[in-house]
Amino acid sequence: MPRDLRPPVDILHYEIVQEQASALGRMGRTLEQALAQLREFDAAHALSETPASLQSARRKLVMEAGQALWMFVVQREATGLRDSRHIMRTYNVPAEVQRCMGLAPPSSKSAAK
């Protein structure tokens, strides 16, 4: 049975970096999915013709994409990647999603009032 001759701290560091990369990948995929859902909605409904009932559904998609963007940016920053402009260009994040990034979605208690 081969023995790993690296110090335990190096092994731990390797595991931490692996988990950070995995989390970053998950957050990126979540953002991609949220943006795809928003784009599909927009493709199916012309913005100028969207009835009020669908505007609420679209706003929810924008907020979900904003939350996914926020989580991705925070995860990137936790790994030392501080420039968010790359994300905005690469994922073609709409300005309205960028503006709601980090806003807490309304709680069910406040929505019930």
C-alpha atoms as a PDB file:
ATOM      1  CA  MET A   1       0.000   0.000   0.000  1.00  0.00           C
ATOM      2  CA  PRO A   2       1.660   3.265  -1.122  1.00  0.00           C
ATOM      3  CA  ARG A   3       1.997   5.919   1.504  1.00  0.00           C
ATOM      4  CA  ASP A   4       1.380   9.598   0.758  1.00  0.00           C
ATOM      5  CA  LEU A   5       4.543  11.400   1.861  1.00  0.00           C
ATOM      6  CA  ARG A   6       3.021  14.880   1.745  1.00  0.00           C
ATOM      7  CA  PRO A   7       2.491  16.666   5.054  1.00  0.00           C
ATOM      8  CA  PRO A   8      -1.103  16.465   6.340  1.00  0.00           C
ATOM      9  CA  VAL A   9      -1.544  20.233   5.954  1.00  0.00           C
ATOM     10  CA  ASP A  10      -0.785  19.936   2.207  1.00  0.00           C
ATOM     11  CA  ILE A  11      -3.314  17.129   1.840  1.00  0.00           C
ATOM     12  CA  LEU A  12      -5.917  19.220   3.661  1.00  0.00           C
ATOM     13  CA  HIS A  13      -5.140  22.260   1.502  1.00  0.00           C
ATOM     14  CA  TYR A  14      -5.594  20.139  -1.631  1.00  0.00           C
ATOM     15  CA  GLU A  15      -8.997  18.925  -0.391  1.00  0.00           C
ATOM     16  CA  ILE A  16     -10.103  22.481   0.404  1.00  0.00           C
ATOM     17  CA  VAL A  17      -9.098  23.738  -3.048  1.00  0.00           C
ATOM     18  CA  GLN A  18     -10.944  20.830  -4.652  1.00  0.00           C
ATOM     19  CA  GLU A  19     -14.115  21.687  -2.740  1.00  0.00           C
ATOM     20  CA  GLN A  20     -13.804  25.373  -3.640  1.00  0.00           C
ATOM     21  CA  ALA A  21     -13.508  24.469  -7.322  1.00  0.00           C
ATOM     22  CA  SER A  22     -16.490  22.134  -7.077  1.00  0.00           C
ATOM     23  CA  ALA A  23     -18.626  24.787  -5.364  1.00  0.00           C
ATOM     24  CA  LEU A  24     -17.585  27.363  -7.946  1.00  0.00           C
ATOM     25  CA  GLY A  25     -18.651  24.999 -10.723  1.00  0.00           C
ATOM     26  CA  ARG A  26     -22.035  24.387  -9.087  1.00  0.00           C
ATOM     27  CA  MET A  27     -22.644  28.109  -8.661  1.00  0.00           C
ATOM     28  CA  GLY A  28     -21.675  28.760 -12.278  1.00  0.00           C
ATOM     29  CA  ARG A  29     -24.073  26.093 -13.543  1.00  0.00           C
ATOM     30  CA  THR A  30     -26.853  27.510 -11.358  1.00  0.00           C
ATOM     31  CA  LEU A  31     -26.257  30.964 -12.850  1.00  0.00           C
ATOM     32  CA  GLU A  32     -26.254  29.544 -16.382  1.00  0.00           C
ATOM     33  CA  GLN A  33     -29.581  27.785 -15.749  1.00  0.00           C
ATOM     34  CA  ALA A  34     -31.198  30.884 -14.237  1.00  0.00           C
ATOM     35  CA  LEU A  35     -30.080  33.056 -17.158  1.00  0.00           C
ATOM     36  CA  ALA A  36     -31.268  30.428 -19.659  1.00  0.00           C
ATOM     37  CA  GLN A  37     -34.718  30.359 -18.048  1.00  0.00           C
ATOM     38  CA  LEU A  38     -34.930  34.147 -18.233  1.00  0.00           C
ATOM     39  CA  ARG A  39     -33.836  34.165 -21.887  1.00  0.00           C
ATOM     40  CA  GLU A  40     -36.346  31.416 -22.758  1.00  0.00           C
ATOM     41  CA  PHE A  41     -39.113  33.406 -21.086  1.00  0.00           C
ATOM     42  CA  ASP A  42     -38.118  36.544 -22.984  1.00  0.00           C
ATOM     43  CA  ALA A  43     -37.986  34.637 -26.269  1.00  0.00           C
ATOM     44  CA  ALA A  44     -41.477  33.244 -25.680  1.00  0.00           C
ATOM     45  CA  HIS A  45     -43.005  36.577 -24.627  1.00  0.00           C
ATOM     46  CA  ALA A  46     -42.331  39.901 -26.258  1.00  0.00           C
ATOM     47  CA  LEU A  47     -41.516  42.391 -23.474  1.00  0.00           C
ATOM     48  CA  SER A  48     -43.825  45.086 -24.810  1.00  0.00           C
ATOM     49  CA  GLU A  49     -46.733  42.644 -24.985  1.00  0.00           C
ATOM     50  CA  THR A  50     -46.248  40.925 -21.638  1.00  0.00           C
ATOM     51  CA  PRO A  51     -49.448  41.082 -19.562  1.00  0.00           C
ATOM     52  CA  ALA A  52     -49.224  42.030 -15.885  1.00  0.00           C
ATOM     53  CA  SER A  53     -49.697  38.409 -14.820  1.00  0.00           C
ATOM     54  CA  LEU A  54     -46.587  37.383 -16.767  1.00  0.00           C
ATOM     55  CA  GLN A  55     -44.579  40.423 -15.655  1.00  0.00           C
ATOM     56  CA  SER A  56     -44.648  39.020 -12.126  1.00  0.00           C
ATOM     57  CA  ALA A  57     -43.325  35.675 -13.374  1.00  0.00           C
ATOM     58  CA  ARG A  58     -40.574  37.450 -15.303  1.00  0.00           C
ATOM     59  CA  ARG A  59     -39.622  39.553 -12.291  1.00  0.00           C
ATOM     60  CA  LYS A  60     -39.290  36.329 -10.291  1.00  0.00           C
ATOM     61  CA  LEU A  61     -36.927  34.918 -12.937  1.00  0.00           C
ATOM     62  CA  VAL A  62     -34.856  38.130 -12.847  1.00  0.00           C
ATOM     63  CA  MET A  63     -34.637  37.951  -9.049  1.00  0.00           C
ATOM     64  CA  GLU A  64     -33.631  34.271  -9.160  1.00  0.00           C
ATOM     65  CA  ALA A  65     -30.923  35.060 -11.705  1.00  0.00           C
ATOM     66  CA  GLY A  66     -29.760  37.966  -9.517  1.00  0.00           C
ATOM     67  CA  GLN A  67     -29.534  35.648  -6.513  1.00  0.00           C
ATOM     68  CA  ALA A  68     -27.598  33.055  -8.554  1.00  0.00           C
ATOM     69  CA  LEU A  69     -25.257  35.792  -9.784  1.00  0.00           C
ATOM     70  CA  TRP A  70     -24.689  37.011  -6.234  1.00  0.00           C
ATOM     71  CA  MET A  71     -23.887  33.501  -4.982  1.00  0.00           C
ATOM     72  CA  PHE A  72     -21.460  32.954  -7.869  1.00  0.00           C
ATOM     73  CA  VAL A  73     -19.699  36.288  -7.322  1.00  0.00           C
ATOM     74  CA  VAL A  74     -19.351  35.614  -3.586  1.00  0.00           C
ATOM     75  CA  GLN A  75     -17.963  32.126  -4.228  1.00  0.00           C
ATOM     76  CA  ARG A  76     -15.459  33.505  -6.748  1.00  0.00           C
ATOM     77  CA  GLU A  77     -14.365  36.208  -4.340  1.00  0.00           C
ATOM     78  CA  ALA A  78     -13.917  33.617  -1.595  1.00  0.00           C
ATOM     79  CA  THR A  79     -11.397  31.869  -3.842  1.00  0.00           C
ATOM     80  CA  GLY A  80      -9.550  35.115  -4.544  1.00  0.00           C
ATOM     81  CA  LEU A  81     -11.092  35.955  -7.932  1.00  0.00           C
ATOM     82  CA  ARG A  82     -12.178  39.535  -7.331  1.00  0.00           C
ATOM     83  CA  ASP A  83     -12.979  40.908 -10.818  1.00  0.00           C
ATOM     84  CA  SER A  84     -16.678  40.385 -11.574  1.00  0.00           C
ATOM     85  CA  ARG A  85     -16.511  42.051 -14.992  1.00  0.00           C
ATOM     86  CA  HIS A  86     -15.305  38.758 -16.466  1.00  0.00           C
ATOM     87  CA  ILE A  87     -18.485  37.018 -15.256  1.00  0.00           C
ATOM     88  CA  MET A  88     -20.733  39.721 -16.663  1.00  0.00           C
ATOM     89  CA  ARG A  89     -19.111  39.461 -20.104  1.00  0.00           C
ATOM     90  CA  THR A  90     -18.698  35.684 -20.226  1.00  0.00           C
ATOM     91  CA  TYR A  91     -22.242  34.887 -19.093  1.00  0.00           C
ATOM     92  CA  ASN A  92     -23.751  37.918 -20.868  1.00  0.00           C
ATOM     93  CA  VAL A  93     -25.567  38.943 -17.696  1.00  0.00           C
ATOM     94  CA  PRO A  94     -28.328  41.507 -18.390  1.00  0.00           C
ATOM     95  CA  ALA A  95     -28.052  44.840 -16.584  1.00  0.00           C
ATOM     96  CA  GLU A  96     -31.364  44.291 -14.767  1.00  0.00           C
ATOM     97  CA  VAL A  97     -29.998  41.047 -13.291  1.00  0.00           C
ATOM     98  CA  GLN A  98     -26.811  42.831 -12.241  1.00  0.00           C
ATOM     99  CA  ARG A  99     -28.848  45.555 -10.538  1.00  0.00           C
ATOM    100  CA  CYS A 100     -30.788  43.088  -8.390  1.00  0.00           C
ATOM    101  CA  MET A 101     -27.707  41.037  -7.509  1.00  0.00           C
ATOM    102  CA  GLY A 102     -27.592  40.477  -3.771  1.00  0.00           C
ATOM    103  CA  LEU A 103     -31.111  41.683  -3.061  1.00  0.00           C
ATOM    104  CA  ALA A 104     -32.869  39.359  -0.690  1.00  0.00           C
ATOM    105  CA  PRO A 105     -35.991  37.831  -2.184  1.00  0.00           C
ATOM    106  CA  PRO A 106     -39.166  38.829  -0.338  1.00  0.00           C
ATOM    107  CA  SER A 107     -39.945  36.469   2.509  1.00  0.00           C
ATOM    108  CA  SER A 108     -43.180  34.534   2.507  1.00  0.00           C
ATOM    109  CA  LYS A 109     -44.288  36.494   5.614  1.00  0.00           C
ATOM    110  CA  SER A 110     -43.977  39.879   3.897  1.00  0.00           C
ATOM    111  CA  ALA A 111     -45.586  38.519   0.721  1.00  0.00           C
ATOM    112  CA  ALA A 112     -48.605  37.368   2.735  1.00  0.00           C
ATOM    113  CA  LYS A 113     -49.289  40.900   4.069  1.00  0.00           C
END
